[in-house]
Amino acid sequence: MKIVRRIGVPPSARGSSSGATCPDVFELSDGDFAVIGTEATERLRAELPADAGVADYERIVIVNRETLLRAKRDIPDA
């Protein structure tokens, strides 16, 4: 599996001037997506609806609104 492309604009276009605040979204070679965000599994686990869960190998990450909105145009419809 490899990163094929960034979805949206680079963090520098959203005001990040360092590697400390760089949420990002990438499309992978298998068609899945990878995100860089703030790890929040323990903080949000209790907030999940009853029909949602987090496996041992999964994490809840927060990606800020601007990152997703600016990525929206690059996300394929199918």
N, C-alpha and C. Protein backbone atom coordinates (compact mmCIF):
# COMPACT_ATOMS: atom_id res chain seq x y z
N MET A 1 0.85 -1.18 0.00
CA MET A 1 0.00 0.00 0.00
C MET A 1 0.90 1.23 0.00
N LYS A 2 0.52 2.22 -0.81
CA LYS A 2 1.29 3.46 -0.93
C LYS A 2 0.35 4.65 -0.95
N ILE A 3 0.89 5.80 -0.56
CA ILE A 3 0.14 7.05 -0.69
C ILE A 3 0.19 7.45 -2.16
N VAL A 4 -1.00 7.66 -2.75
CA VAL A 4 -1.11 8.03 -4.15
C VAL A 4 -1.12 9.55 -4.30
N ARG A 5 -1.90 10.22 -3.43
CA ARG A 5 -1.99 11.68 -3.55
C ARG A 5 -2.58 12.27 -2.29
N ARG A 6 -2.33 13.54 -2.10
CA ARG A 6 -2.95 14.30 -1.02
C ARG A 6 -4.36 14.65 -1.47
N ILE A 7 -5.29 14.63 -0.53
CA ILE A 7 -6.66 15.05 -0.78
C ILE A 7 -6.81 16.43 -0.15
N GLY A 8 -7.04 17.44 -0.97
CA GLY A 8 -7.13 18.80 -0.45
C GLY A 8 -5.82 19.53 -0.62
N VAL A 9 -5.64 20.55 0.19
CA VAL A 9 -4.45 21.40 0.08
C VAL A 9 -3.45 21.03 1.17
N PRO A 10 -2.17 21.34 0.96
CA PRO A 10 -1.18 21.05 1.98
C PRO A 10 -1.40 21.88 3.25
N PRO A 11 -0.91 21.40 4.38
CA PRO A 11 -1.09 22.14 5.63
C PRO A 11 -0.59 23.58 5.56
N SER A 12 0.47 23.83 4.80
CA SER A 12 0.99 25.20 4.69
C SER A 12 -0.05 26.15 4.08
N ALA A 13 -0.93 25.65 3.23
CA ALA A 13 -1.99 26.47 2.63
C ALA A 13 -3.13 26.72 3.60
N ARG A 14 -3.11 26.00 4.72
CA ARG A 14 -4.12 26.21 5.76
C ARG A 14 -3.53 26.91 6.97
N GLY A 15 -2.33 27.48 6.82
CA GLY A 15 -1.75 28.28 7.88
C GLY A 15 -0.73 27.59 8.76
N SER A 16 -0.41 26.33 8.50
CA SER A 16 0.59 25.64 9.31
C SER A 16 1.98 26.04 8.83
N SER A 17 2.77 26.55 9.74
CA SER A 17 4.13 26.95 9.38
C SER A 17 5.18 26.02 9.97
N SER A 18 4.70 24.95 10.63
CA SER A 18 5.64 23.99 11.22
C SER A 18 5.04 22.60 11.10
N GLY A 19 5.80 21.61 11.50
CA GLY A 19 5.30 20.24 11.48
C GLY A 19 4.42 19.91 12.68
N ALA A 20 4.12 20.90 13.50
CA ALA A 20 3.37 20.65 14.73
C ALA A 20 1.86 20.64 14.52
N THR A 21 1.36 21.27 13.48
CA THR A 21 -0.09 21.34 13.26
C THR A 21 -0.39 21.00 11.81
N CYS A 22 -0.37 19.72 11.51
CA CYS A 22 -0.47 19.32 10.11
C CYS A 22 -1.52 18.25 9.85
N PRO A 23 -2.79 18.46 10.22
CA PRO A 23 -3.77 17.47 9.82
C PRO A 23 -3.77 17.35 8.31
N ASP A 24 -3.99 16.13 7.82
CA ASP A 24 -3.89 15.91 6.39
C ASP A 24 -4.70 14.68 6.01
N VAL A 25 -5.08 14.58 4.73
CA VAL A 25 -5.83 13.45 4.21
C VAL A 25 -5.14 12.97 2.94
N PHE A 26 -4.99 11.65 2.81
CA PHE A 26 -4.32 11.06 1.66
C PHE A 26 -5.14 9.92 1.09
N GLU A 27 -5.10 9.78 -0.24
CA GLU A 27 -5.70 8.62 -0.89
C GLU A 27 -4.60 7.57 -1.04
N LEU A 28 -4.95 6.31 -0.75
CA LEU A 28 -4.00 5.21 -0.82
C LEU A 28 -4.17 4.42 -2.10
N SER A 29 -3.16 3.65 -2.45
CA SER A 29 -3.17 2.90 -3.71
C SER A 29 -4.30 1.87 -3.78
N ASP A 30 -4.82 1.45 -2.64
CA ASP A 30 -5.93 0.49 -2.66
C ASP A 30 -7.30 1.17 -2.64
N GLY A 31 -7.31 2.52 -2.74
CA GLY A 31 -8.57 3.26 -2.76
C GLY A 31 -9.02 3.74 -1.40
N ASP A 32 -8.41 3.25 -0.32
CA ASP A 32 -8.75 3.73 1.02
C ASP A 32 -8.11 5.09 1.25
N PHE A 33 -8.42 5.69 2.40
CA PHE A 33 -7.88 6.98 2.77
C PHE A 33 -7.16 6.88 4.11
N ALA A 34 -6.11 7.67 4.26
CA ALA A 34 -5.38 7.77 5.52
C ALA A 34 -5.46 9.22 5.98
N VAL A 35 -5.57 9.41 7.29
CA VAL A 35 -5.64 10.77 7.82
C VAL A 35 -4.57 10.96 8.90
N ILE A 36 -4.07 12.17 8.96
CA ILE A 36 -3.23 12.60 10.07
C ILE A 36 -4.08 13.55 10.88
N GLY A 37 -4.25 13.24 12.14
CA GLY A 37 -5.06 14.07 13.01
C GLY A 37 -4.61 13.92 14.45
N THR A 38 -5.35 14.52 15.34
CA THR A 38 -5.05 14.46 16.77
C THR A 38 -5.69 13.22 17.37
N GLU A 39 -4.91 12.38 18.00
CA GLU A 39 -5.40 11.15 18.61
C GLU A 39 -6.35 11.49 19.75
N ALA A 40 -7.55 10.93 19.73
CA ALA A 40 -8.56 11.26 20.74
C ALA A 40 -9.38 10.05 21.15
N THR A 41 -8.83 8.85 21.01
CA THR A 41 -9.59 7.62 21.26
C THR A 41 -10.17 7.59 22.67
N GLU A 42 -9.35 7.73 23.66
CA GLU A 42 -9.85 7.61 25.04
C GLU A 42 -10.79 8.75 25.40
N ARG A 43 -10.54 9.92 24.88
CA ARG A 43 -11.39 11.07 25.17
C ARG A 43 -12.77 10.93 24.56
N LEU A 44 -12.88 10.26 23.39
CA LEU A 44 -14.16 10.19 22.68
C LEU A 44 -14.84 8.83 22.71
N ARG A 45 -14.15 7.80 23.16
CA ARG A 45 -14.72 6.44 23.15
C ARG A 45 -16.09 6.39 23.81
N ALA A 46 -16.25 7.00 24.96
CA ALA A 46 -17.53 6.98 25.68
C ALA A 46 -18.63 7.76 24.96
N GLU A 47 -18.26 8.60 24.01
CA GLU A 47 -19.23 9.41 23.27
C GLU A 47 -19.78 8.70 22.04
N LEU A 48 -19.18 7.56 21.67
CA LEU A 48 -19.63 6.85 20.48
C LEU A 48 -21.06 6.34 20.65
N PRO A 49 -21.83 6.30 19.57
CA PRO A 49 -23.17 5.71 19.65
C PRO A 49 -23.06 4.22 19.96
N ALA A 50 -24.13 3.64 20.42
CA ALA A 50 -24.13 2.24 20.86
C ALA A 50 -23.72 1.27 19.75
N ASP A 51 -23.96 1.62 18.50
CA ASP A 51 -23.64 0.71 17.41
C ASP A 51 -22.27 0.97 16.79
N ALA A 52 -21.41 1.73 17.48
CA ALA A 52 -20.06 2.01 17.00
C ALA A 52 -19.04 1.51 18.02
N GLY A 53 -17.87 1.17 17.54
CA GLY A 53 -16.82 0.71 18.44
C GLY A 53 -15.46 0.97 17.84
N VAL A 54 -14.43 0.82 18.65
CA VAL A 54 -13.05 1.01 18.21
C VAL A 54 -12.28 -0.27 18.54
N ALA A 55 -11.80 -0.94 17.50
CA ALA A 55 -11.02 -2.16 17.69
C ALA A 55 -9.66 -1.82 18.29
N ASP A 56 -8.97 -2.83 18.81
CA ASP A 56 -7.65 -2.62 19.41
C ASP A 56 -6.67 -1.98 18.44
N TYR A 57 -6.83 -2.22 17.15
CA TYR A 57 -5.90 -1.71 16.15
C TYR A 57 -6.38 -0.39 15.52
N GLU A 58 -7.47 0.17 16.01
CA GLU A 58 -8.03 1.41 15.48
C GLU A 58 -7.86 2.55 16.48
N ARG A 59 -7.90 3.77 15.97
CA ARG A 59 -7.84 4.97 16.79
C ARG A 59 -8.85 5.97 16.26
N ILE A 60 -9.44 6.74 17.15
CA ILE A 60 -10.27 7.88 16.77
C ILE A 60 -9.31 9.07 16.63
N VAL A 61 -9.37 9.74 15.48
CA VAL A 61 -8.54 10.93 15.29
C VAL A 61 -9.43 12.10 14.93
N ILE A 62 -9.02 13.26 15.35
CA ILE A 62 -9.74 14.49 15.03
C ILE A 62 -9.01 15.18 13.89
N VAL A 63 -9.76 15.51 12.86
CA VAL A 63 -9.26 16.30 11.74
C VAL A 63 -10.10 17.56 11.71
N ASN A 64 -9.46 18.71 11.75
CA ASN A 64 -10.24 19.94 11.86
C ASN A 64 -11.13 20.17 10.64
N ARG A 65 -12.14 20.95 10.84
CA ARG A 65 -13.16 21.21 9.83
C ARG A 65 -12.57 21.75 8.53
N GLU A 66 -11.67 22.71 8.63
CA GLU A 66 -11.08 23.32 7.43
C GLU A 66 -10.37 22.27 6.57
N THR A 67 -9.66 21.35 7.21
CA THR A 67 -8.95 20.32 6.46
C THR A 67 -9.92 19.48 5.63
N LEU A 68 -11.02 19.04 6.25
CA LEU A 68 -11.99 18.22 5.51
C LEU A 68 -12.74 19.01 4.46
N LEU A 69 -13.12 20.23 4.78
CA LEU A 69 -13.84 21.04 3.78
C LEU A 69 -12.97 21.32 2.56
N ARG A 70 -11.69 21.54 2.78
CA ARG A 70 -10.80 21.81 1.65
C ARG A 70 -10.41 20.55 0.91
N ALA A 71 -10.64 19.39 1.52
CA ALA A 71 -10.38 18.11 0.86
C ALA A 71 -11.60 17.64 0.07
N LYS A 72 -12.76 18.15 0.40
CA LYS A 72 -14.02 17.67 -0.18
C LYS A 72 -14.01 17.63 -1.71
N ARG A 73 -13.49 18.63 -2.36
CA ARG A 73 -13.51 18.70 -3.83
C ARG A 73 -12.66 17.60 -4.46
N ASP A 74 -11.69 17.06 -3.72
CA ASP A 74 -10.81 16.02 -4.25
C ASP A 74 -11.26 14.61 -3.94
N ILE A 75 -12.30 14.45 -3.14
CA ILE A 75 -12.77 13.12 -2.79
C ILE A 75 -13.67 12.61 -3.91
N PRO A 76 -13.32 11.46 -4.49
CA PRO A 76 -14.13 10.94 -5.60
C PRO A 76 -15.54 10.56 -5.16
N ASP A 77 -16.49 10.66 -6.08
CA ASP A 77 -17.88 10.29 -5.79
C ASP A 77 -18.04 8.77 -5.71
N ALA A 78 -17.21 8.04 -6.36
CA ALA A 78 -17.32 6.57 -6.35
C ALA A 78 -15.95 5.94 -6.31
